[in-house]
Protein backbone atom coordinates (compact mmCIF):
# COMPACT_ATOMS: atom_id res chain seq x y z
CA MET A 1 0.00 0.03 0.00
CA PRO A 2 1.22 3.55 -0.71
CA LEU A 3 2.60 5.75 2.10
CA GLN A 4 0.15 8.53 3.01
CA PRO A 5 1.72 11.76 4.13
CA ALA A 6 0.66 14.17 6.91
CA GLN A 7 -1.32 16.85 5.23
CA ARG A 8 -1.10 19.50 7.89
CA ILE A 9 1.27 20.02 10.75
CA ALA A 10 1.70 22.72 13.47
CA ALA A 11 4.23 22.99 16.25
CA THR A 12 4.35 24.80 19.56
CA GLY A 13 7.35 24.28 21.76
CA SER A 14 8.30 20.64 21.62
CA THR A 15 4.83 19.46 20.70
CA LEU A 16 3.99 18.70 17.02
CA TYR A 17 0.42 18.30 15.95
CA LEU A 18 -0.31 16.47 12.73
CA ASP A 19 -3.50 15.72 10.72
CA VAL A 20 -3.79 12.76 8.34
CA TYR A 21 -7.11 12.62 6.68
CA GLY A 22 -8.90 13.99 9.78
CA THR A 23 -7.01 11.91 12.29
CA LEU A 24 -5.41 14.36 14.70
CA SER A 25 -2.32 13.31 16.56
CA LYS A 26 0.45 14.98 18.67
CA PHE A 27 4.12 13.92 19.08
CA ASP A 28 6.58 15.15 21.65
CA LEU A 29 9.86 15.97 20.03
CA PHE A 30 11.82 15.63 23.33
CA SER A 31 10.56 12.31 24.64
CA GLY A 32 9.77 10.77 21.15
CA GLU A 33 6.26 9.68 22.39
CA GLY A 34 3.02 10.35 20.39
CA SER A 35 -0.71 9.80 20.81
CA THR A 36 -3.86 9.95 18.74
CA LEU A 37 -6.30 12.70 19.82
CA TYR A 38 -9.20 12.26 17.46
CA ARG A 39 -10.23 9.76 14.75
CA PRO A 40 -12.77 10.83 12.17
CA GLU A 41 -16.31 9.35 12.14
CA PRO A 42 -17.16 6.96 9.20
CA LEU A 43 -18.21 8.66 5.92
CA ASN A 44 -21.81 9.72 5.92
CA GLU A 45 -24.32 8.99 3.16
CA VAL A 46 -23.71 12.27 1.31
CA GLU A 47 -20.02 11.61 1.16
CA GLN A 48 -20.47 8.08 0.05
CA ARG A 49 -22.84 9.16 -2.68
CA ASN A 50 -20.23 11.70 -3.88
CA ARG A 51 -17.59 8.89 -3.84
CA VAL A 52 -15.54 10.56 -1.20
CA THR A 53 -12.73 8.20 -0.17
CA ASN A 54 -11.20 10.22 2.69
CA ARG A 55 -11.62 13.56 4.45
CA HIS A 56 -8.88 15.90 3.56
CA ALA A 57 -7.19 17.95 6.33
CA MET A 58 -7.49 21.57 5.14
CA GLU A 59 -6.03 23.90 7.67
CA MET A 60 -4.34 23.79 11.13
CA ALA A 61 -3.07 26.38 13.69
CA CYS A 62 -1.93 26.04 17.28
CA THR A 63 -0.76 27.82 20.30
CA ALA A 64 0.63 26.57 23.68
CA SER A 65 -2.98 25.93 24.84
CA VAL A 66 -5.02 25.00 21.86
CA CYS A 67 -4.88 23.31 18.47
CA VAL A 68 -7.46 24.15 15.92
CA THR A 69 -7.93 22.02 12.73
CA CYS A 70 -10.59 21.60 10.05
CA CYS A 71 -11.21 19.03 7.25
CA ASP A 72 -13.45 19.23 4.26
CA ASP A 73 -16.40 18.00 6.38
CA LYS A 74 -17.09 21.64 7.32
CA LYS A 75 -16.13 20.98 11.06
CA LEU A 76 -13.85 23.13 13.15
CA ARG A 77 -12.24 21.08 15.90
CA ILE A 78 -10.57 22.77 18.85
CA TYR A 79 -8.27 20.72 20.99
CA ARG A 80 -7.55 22.05 24.53
CA ALA A 81 -4.14 20.92 25.79
CA SER A 82 -5.02 21.54 29.45
CA THR A 83 -8.05 19.28 29.55
CA GLY A 84 -7.60 17.02 26.51
CA ASP A 85 -11.12 17.99 25.36
CA ILE A 86 -12.01 18.45 21.74
CA LEU A 87 -14.81 20.89 20.86
CA THR A 88 -16.59 20.87 17.53
CA LYS A 89 -18.16 23.73 15.60
CA ASP A 90 -20.03 23.64 12.43
CA LEU A 91 -18.68 25.79 9.52
CA HIS A 92 -20.89 27.35 6.92
CA LYS A 93 -18.44 26.46 4.14
CA ARG A 94 -15.16 24.72 3.73
CA ALA A 95 -12.24 26.56 5.46
CA SER A 96 -9.39 27.89 3.38
CA CYS A 97 -7.30 29.49 6.22
CA ILE A 98 -7.25 29.73 10.04
CA THR A 99 -5.53 32.00 12.51
CA ILE A 100 -5.50 32.30 16.26
CA ALA A 101 -5.23 35.52 18.25
CA GLY A 102 -5.67 35.23 21.99
CA ASP A 103 -9.08 33.63 22.59
CA ILE A 104 -10.30 34.44 19.10
CA ILE A 105 -10.15 32.02 16.12
CA ALA A 106 -10.55 33.52 12.69
CA VAL A 107 -11.54 31.40 9.85
CA GLY A 108 -11.65 32.29 6.00
CA ASP A 109 -13.55 30.08 3.72
CA ARG A 110 -13.82 29.32 0.02
CA PHE A 111 -16.76 31.53 -0.47
CA GLY A 112 -14.78 34.61 0.61
CA ASP A 113 -16.29 35.06 4.07
CA VAL A 114 -14.41 35.49 7.28
CA TYR A 115 -15.83 34.35 10.71
CA THR A 116 -14.53 34.60 14.17
CA TYR A 117 -15.09 32.30 17.10
CA ASP A 118 -14.65 33.22 20.68
CA MET A 119 -13.12 30.33 22.67
CA THR A 120 -14.23 31.78 25.91
CA LYS A 121 -17.88 31.03 25.11
CA GLU A 122 -18.44 27.29 25.37
CA ASP A 123 -21.08 26.95 22.73
CA ALA A 124 -19.47 24.28 20.74
CA THR A 125 -21.19 21.09 20.11
CA GLU A 126 -20.81 19.10 23.29
CA VAL A 127 -21.97 15.63 24.16
CA ASP A 128 -23.83 15.36 27.50
CA ALA A 129 -22.27 12.35 29.18
CA GLN A 130 -25.56 11.58 31.06
CA ALA A 131 -28.14 12.37 28.55
CA GLY A 132 -26.14 11.44 25.46
CA GLU A 133 -27.58 14.30 23.47
CA GLN A 134 -25.77 17.12 21.65
CA GLU A 135 -26.23 20.63 22.97
CA GLN A 136 -25.66 24.03 21.35
CA ASP A 137 -26.28 27.37 22.94
CA GLU A 138 -27.43 29.60 20.15
CA GLU A 139 -28.33 32.59 22.26
CA GLU A 140 -24.64 32.98 23.34
CA SER A 141 -23.11 31.87 20.02
CA SER A 142 -19.46 32.59 19.78
CA GLU A 143 -19.58 32.73 15.98
CA THR A 144 -19.45 36.28 14.44
CA PRO A 145 -19.49 37.06 10.73
CA LEU A 146 -16.80 39.49 10.14
CA LEU A 147 -16.09 40.48 6.49
CA GLY A 148 -16.37 39.13 2.99
CA HIS A 149 -14.48 39.08 -0.29
CA VAL A 150 -15.73 38.08 -3.76
CA SER A 151 -13.21 35.12 -4.08
CA ILE A 152 -11.54 32.57 -1.93
CA ILE A 153 -9.76 33.80 1.11
CA SER A 154 -6.23 32.55 0.78
CA GLN A 155 -4.67 33.88 3.96
CA LEU A 156 -5.40 36.17 6.94
CA LYS A 157 -3.56 37.84 9.83
CA MET A 158 -4.86 39.48 12.91
CA LEU A 159 -2.50 42.35 13.85
CA ARG A 160 -1.96 45.07 16.46
CA SER A 161 -1.00 48.56 15.47
CA SER A 162 2.72 49.20 15.96
CA THR A 163 2.03 52.84 17.02
CA HIS A 164 -1.35 52.56 18.76
CA PRO A 165 -1.39 49.21 20.80
CA ARG A 166 -5.13 49.43 21.44
CA ARG A 167 -6.00 49.33 17.70
CA HIS A 168 -6.40 46.00 16.01
CA TYR A 169 -6.74 44.98 12.39
CA ILE A 170 -7.39 42.01 10.30
CA VAL A 171 -5.49 41.53 7.00
CA THR A 172 -6.96 39.25 4.43
CA ALA A 173 -5.73 38.05 1.07
CA ASP A 174 -7.67 36.45 -1.87
CA ARG A 175 -7.45 34.61 -5.10
CA ASP A 176 -7.93 37.89 -7.05
CA GLU A 177 -4.62 39.43 -6.08
CA HIS A 178 -6.13 41.60 -3.38
CA VAL A 179 -4.74 42.24 0.04
CA ARG A 180 -7.23 44.22 2.41
CA VAL A 181 -6.51 45.87 5.73
CA SER A 182 -9.62 46.18 7.80
CA ARG A 183 -10.28 47.40 11.36
CA TYR A 184 -11.06 44.74 14.01
CA PRO A 185 -13.71 44.17 15.17
CA GLN A 186 -15.30 46.89 13.02
CA ALA A 187 -14.27 45.06 9.80
CA HIS A 188 -16.73 47.06 7.74
CA VAL A 189 -14.18 49.81 7.96
CA ILE A 190 -11.52 49.16 5.31
CA GLU A 191 -8.33 51.06 6.03
CA HIS A 192 -6.35 50.11 2.83
CA PHE A 193 -6.30 47.94 -0.18
CA LEU A 194 -2.73 46.70 -0.76
CA LEU A 195 -2.64 46.28 -4.65
CA GLY A 196 0.32 45.23 -6.69
CA HIS A 197 0.17 41.55 -7.34
CA THR A 198 -0.75 40.21 -10.73
CA LYS A 199 -1.55 36.69 -9.54
CA PHE A 200 -3.18 35.17 -6.39
CA VAL A 201 -1.70 35.81 -2.93
CA SER A 202 -1.13 32.71 -0.92
CA SER A 203 1.05 33.75 2.08
CA LEU A 204 1.37 36.74 4.54
CA TRP A 205 4.35 37.28 6.70
CA VAL A 206 5.04 39.98 9.37
CA PRO A 207 8.75 40.20 10.43
CA GLY A 208 9.34 39.60 14.04
CA TRP A 209 11.71 42.57 14.23
CA ARG A 210 9.58 44.91 12.10
CA ARG A 211 5.96 44.66 13.14
CA ASP A 212 5.13 47.70 10.94
CA LEU A 213 5.82 45.75 7.80
CA LEU A 214 3.93 43.03 5.95
CA VAL A 215 5.29 40.83 3.14
CA SER A 216 2.87 39.24 0.78
CA PHE A 217 3.83 36.11 -1.29
CA GLY A 218 1.89 34.25 -4.07
CA ALA A 219 2.22 33.12 -7.59
CA ASP A 220 4.16 36.11 -8.80
CA GLU A 221 7.92 36.03 -9.35
CA PHE A 222 8.29 38.64 -6.55
CA ALA A 223 7.00 39.35 -3.06
CA ILE A 224 5.86 42.79 -1.96
CA VAL A 225 6.92 44.57 1.25
CA TRP A 226 4.18 46.92 2.63
CA VAL A 227 4.01 49.52 5.38
CA TRP A 228 0.56 48.03 5.99
CA GLU A 229 -0.88 50.70 8.34
CA GLU A 230 -0.12 53.40 5.80
CA GLY A 231 -1.12 51.29 2.84
CA LYS A 232 2.22 52.02 1.03
CA GLU A 233 4.57 49.68 -0.91
CA ALA A 234 8.07 49.68 0.71
CA GLY A 235 9.80 47.44 -1.85
CA ARG A 236 9.80 44.02 -3.66
CA LEU A 237 11.79 40.86 -3.14
CA ASP A 238 13.17 38.98 -6.11
CA LEU A 239 12.18 35.35 -6.05
CA SER A 240 14.11 34.29 -9.06
CA PRO A 241 15.90 31.26 -7.40
CA MET A 242 12.41 29.74 -6.49
CA VAL A 243 11.04 30.62 -9.94
CA SER A 244 13.93 28.64 -11.46
CA ALA A 245 13.37 25.69 -9.12
CA ALA A 246 9.69 25.59 -9.97
CA ALA A 247 10.48 25.61 -13.65
CA GLU A 248 12.90 22.65 -13.15
CA ALA A 249 10.15 20.89 -11.44
CA GLY A 250 7.74 21.55 -14.35
CA THR A 251 5.47 23.94 -12.67
CA SER A 252 5.03 27.69 -11.96
CA LEU A 253 5.86 29.26 -8.65
CA ALA A 254 3.26 29.31 -5.97
CA THR A 255 4.63 30.03 -2.48
CA ALA A 256 2.87 27.58 -0.20
CA LYS A 257 4.21 28.69 3.29
CA VAL A 258 6.61 31.06 4.82
CA VAL A 259 8.08 30.61 8.34
CA GLU A 260 10.61 32.76 10.21
CA LEU A 261 13.44 31.40 12.33
CA PRO A 262 13.10 32.91 15.76
CA GLY A 263 15.83 35.51 16.63
CA ARG A 264 17.20 35.57 13.14
CA LYS A 265 16.56 37.58 9.99
CA GLN A 266 15.96 34.40 8.05
CA LEU A 267 12.92 32.69 6.40
CA ILE A 268 12.16 29.29 5.17
CA LEU A 269 9.97 29.08 2.12
CA ILE A 270 8.34 26.11 0.46
CA ALA A 271 6.54 26.24 -2.92
CA ASP A 272 3.73 24.16 -4.45
CA ASP A 273 5.03 20.98 -6.11
CA VAL A 274 8.63 21.95 -5.81
CA PRO A 275 10.91 19.31 -4.07
CA SER A 276 13.04 21.84 -2.23
CA LEU A 277 12.91 24.24 0.64
CA PHE A 278 14.70 27.63 0.63
CA LEU A 279 16.62 29.13 3.43
CA VAL A 280 16.49 32.91 2.82
CA ASN A 281 18.61 35.66 4.46
CA ILE A 282 16.79 38.99 4.46
CA ALA A 283 17.97 42.62 5.01
CA ASP A 284 16.98 44.59 8.11
CA ASP A 285 14.43 46.58 6.33
CA CYS A 286 13.05 43.54 4.62
CA THR A 287 13.35 45.04 1.13
CA GLN A 288 16.32 42.92 -0.09
CA ILE A 289 17.17 39.18 -0.16
CA THR A 290 20.80 38.80 0.69
CA ASN A 291 21.19 35.13 0.24
CA VAL A 292 19.14 32.02 -0.90
CA LYS A 293 20.25 28.50 -0.01
CA PRO A 294 18.13 25.65 -1.47
CA PHE A 295 17.79 22.27 0.19
CA ASP A 296 16.66 19.36 -2.00
CA MET A 297 13.91 17.14 -0.62
CA ALA A 298 13.08 13.65 -1.27
CA ALA A 299 9.48 14.84 -2.30
CA PRO A 300 7.69 18.08 -2.46
CA PRO A 301 6.92 19.55 0.94
CA LEU A 302 3.26 19.68 1.97
CA ASP A 303 3.74 21.70 5.17
CA ILE A 304 6.47 23.06 7.37
CA ASP A 305 6.81 24.49 10.88
CA ILE A 306 9.49 25.42 13.45
CA ALA A 307 9.65 23.53 16.75
CA CYS A 308 11.67 23.47 20.01
CA ASP A 309 12.18 27.38 20.07
CA GLY A 310 13.74 27.44 16.65
CA LYS A 311 16.02 24.53 17.06
CA LEU A 312 14.17 22.13 14.73
CA VAL A 313 12.53 22.47 11.38
CA ILE A 314 9.83 19.85 10.62
CA VAL A 315 8.89 19.20 7.01
CA ALA A 316 5.91 17.11 5.91
CA LEU A 317 6.49 15.42 2.55
CA ASP A 318 4.09 14.69 -0.28
CA THR A 319 5.04 11.09 -0.74
CA ARG A 320 2.13 9.94 -2.93
CA GLU A 321 3.77 9.75 -6.31
CA VAL A 322 7.45 9.54 -5.51
CA GLU A 323 9.02 6.04 -5.72
CA GLY A 324 11.29 4.88 -2.90
CA VAL A 325 10.30 7.46 -0.31
CA ASP A 326 9.94 5.61 3.02
CA ARG A 327 9.29 8.43 5.41
CA PRO A 328 6.59 11.10 5.58
CA PHE A 329 8.87 13.71 7.41
CA GLU A 330 12.25 15.26 7.11
CA VAL A 331 13.75 17.00 10.11
CA PHE A 332 16.47 19.75 10.08
CA SER A 333 18.36 21.15 13.01
CA VAL A 334 19.26 24.80 13.06
CA THR A 335 22.83 25.59 13.77
CA ASP A 336 24.43 29.03 13.46
CA GLY A 337 21.87 30.13 10.83
CA ASP A 338 22.25 26.98 8.78
CA LEU A 339 20.16 23.87 8.32
CA GLU A 340 21.41 20.31 8.87
CA ASN A 341 19.37 17.34 7.91
CA VAL A 342 18.91 15.07 10.89
CA SER A 343 16.20 12.76 9.46
CA SER A 344 18.15 9.72 10.30
CA GLY A 345 18.38 10.74 13.97
CA GLU A 346 16.53 8.94 16.91
CA ILE A 347 13.65 11.56 17.35
CA ALA A 348 13.19 11.84 13.53
CA THR A 349 12.98 8.04 13.18
CA LYS A 350 10.47 7.75 15.97
CA LEU A 351 8.38 10.57 14.38
CA ASN A 352 8.35 8.86 11.05
CA THR A 353 7.46 5.49 12.58
CA PHE A 354 4.66 7.06 14.60
CA ALA A 355 3.32 9.21 11.68
CA THR A 356 3.49 6.41 8.95
CA VAL A 357 -0.02 5.81 7.88
CA HIS A 358 -0.86 3.47 4.94
CA VAL A 359 -4.20 3.65 3.05
CA ASP A 360 -5.60 1.78 0.04
CA ALA A 361 -6.63 4.92 -1.92
CA ILE A 362 -4.54 7.98 -2.45
CA ALA A 363 -6.52 11.17 -2.92
CA PRO A 364 -5.13 14.62 -3.73
CA THR A 365 -3.29 16.02 -0.77
CA ARG A 366 -1.43 18.93 -2.19
CA SER A 367 -2.78 22.06 -0.69
CA SER A 368 -6.36 21.88 -2.18
CA ASN A 369 -6.58 25.72 -1.65
CA LEU A 370 -3.62 26.38 -3.79
CA GLY A 371 -5.05 24.04 -6.43
CA LEU A 372 -8.31 26.00 -6.43
CA MET A 373 -6.48 29.34 -6.68
CA ARG A 374 -4.48 28.43 -9.71
CA LYS A 375 -6.45 29.79 -12.56
CA LYS A 376 -6.86 27.40 -15.42
CA THR A 377 -5.61 28.14 -18.86
CA LYS A 378 -7.87 28.20 -21.96
CA GLU A 379 -6.62 24.79 -23.00
CA GLU A 380 -7.49 23.37 -19.60
CA LEU A 381 -10.95 24.92 -19.61
CA ASP A 382 -11.53 23.53 -23.13
CA ALA A 383 -10.51 20.06 -21.96
CA ILE A 384 -12.91 20.27 -19.05
CA ARG A 385 -15.80 21.33 -21.20
CA ALA A 386 -15.03 18.60 -23.69
CA GLY A 387 -15.12 16.01 -20.90
CA LYS A 388 -18.50 17.30 -19.70
CA ASP A 389 -19.88 17.32 -23.19
CA LEU A 390 -18.76 13.77 -23.54
CA HIS A 391 -20.24 12.80 -20.28
CA ARG A 392 -23.60 14.34 -21.17
CA GLU A 393 -23.67 12.54 -24.47
CA GLN A 394 -22.96 9.20 -22.87
CA ARG A 395 -25.75 9.79 -20.29
CA ARG A 396 -28.15 10.63 -23.15
CA LEU A 397 -27.38 7.52 -25.20
CA ALA A 398 -27.81 5.51 -21.96
CA ARG A 399 -31.26 7.05 -21.37
CA GLU A 400 -32.30 6.44 -25.02
CA ALA A 401 -31.28 2.75 -24.74
CA GLN A 402 -33.26 2.32 -21.62
CA HIS A 403 -36.31 3.93 -23.28
CA LYS A 404 -36.04 1.59 -26.30
CA ALA A 405 -35.64 -1.43 -24.04
CA MET A 406 -38.75 -0.80 -21.94
CA PRO A 407 -41.49 -1.63 -24.65
CA GLU A 408 -39.63 -4.78 -25.56
CA LYS A 409 -39.77 -5.93 -22.03
CA GLU A 410 -43.53 -5.21 -21.80
CA ASN A 411 -44.23 -7.05 -25.04
CA GLY A 412 -42.27 -9.99 -23.81
CA LYS A 413 -44.33 -10.22 -20.59
CA SER A 414 -47.62 -10.06 -22.52
């Protein structure tokens, strides 16, 4: 059976959370011990009728106290580390991005809407242990509709003003090249539109040493540096090394995720369907890349995060279609601003042993949202239309055959 990768990971301290087709687990990178927190329910009738084989893990975010994850079953699951409880909330649409700010969870969906959920209000679906019934307090609902775009929300950030600490904002990006800065919680007040991209925006990054700046990445051959509170462009970063690597892999650049090494002016980038990660040194003002060092992977990365206070980098690999890959993770140690592959070490071996899941059917696990955001070419659209036309013609011929067969059966009976 083929090796199934972890679709989403998130790390806090030494704890790594991973989601494989809705099965949520955690692994301690110090002790090397792991446990399964939640297993998905069997597929319902609608999913079976739609020939769904597995539920895809869509997004994940975590802090020291909670881990939030959602699959394409339109459920938001909140794991509380202190109690071990998992609360479940129903989503209106499939989620495309999640972020956590204090007790607030912000969720963007594929229809362009953003909702917030207040974790202090225990209105999640809970099972009464005595009555065995689900309860939901609608009067004190923690769900708040916040804002909307006209296309898929690709990324969002909740930020605090660098000059006025009491002012809060929410920054949202979408498939149509827009980045919007809105007040929070009065999100109907739009402060700025950050326009400059020519293709979809997929990642937003705020430098730890320059909270007044925001850098937006996407499918363009550059990233844009913004003074986000003023709505001004401060510069552009040339992503030529990543563009070249994507071309060698037979695809176009689409930045999948950006993480910052704590205490260093360094980033790690991964791109969609590119079997490499990139260690990027960046200038103090974030307007220039001073060095890019690529690291070849055994397979394209699906997700990446920093663990153990910046000492380890965990990379989840897309092992579906790569021959000879026997592990779903690669692990790097951070030493003096450089990365060293320690995937053969004891902890990495235990992680790969714990995380290895084999399934009979392999469904697409590449970031489904990136796949949706890539706009199809005319040739691709024509092929889709031709396929639909062929399917309609086949159904028409089948119906005609059924109608012709019915009188013959009736005559035979008489």
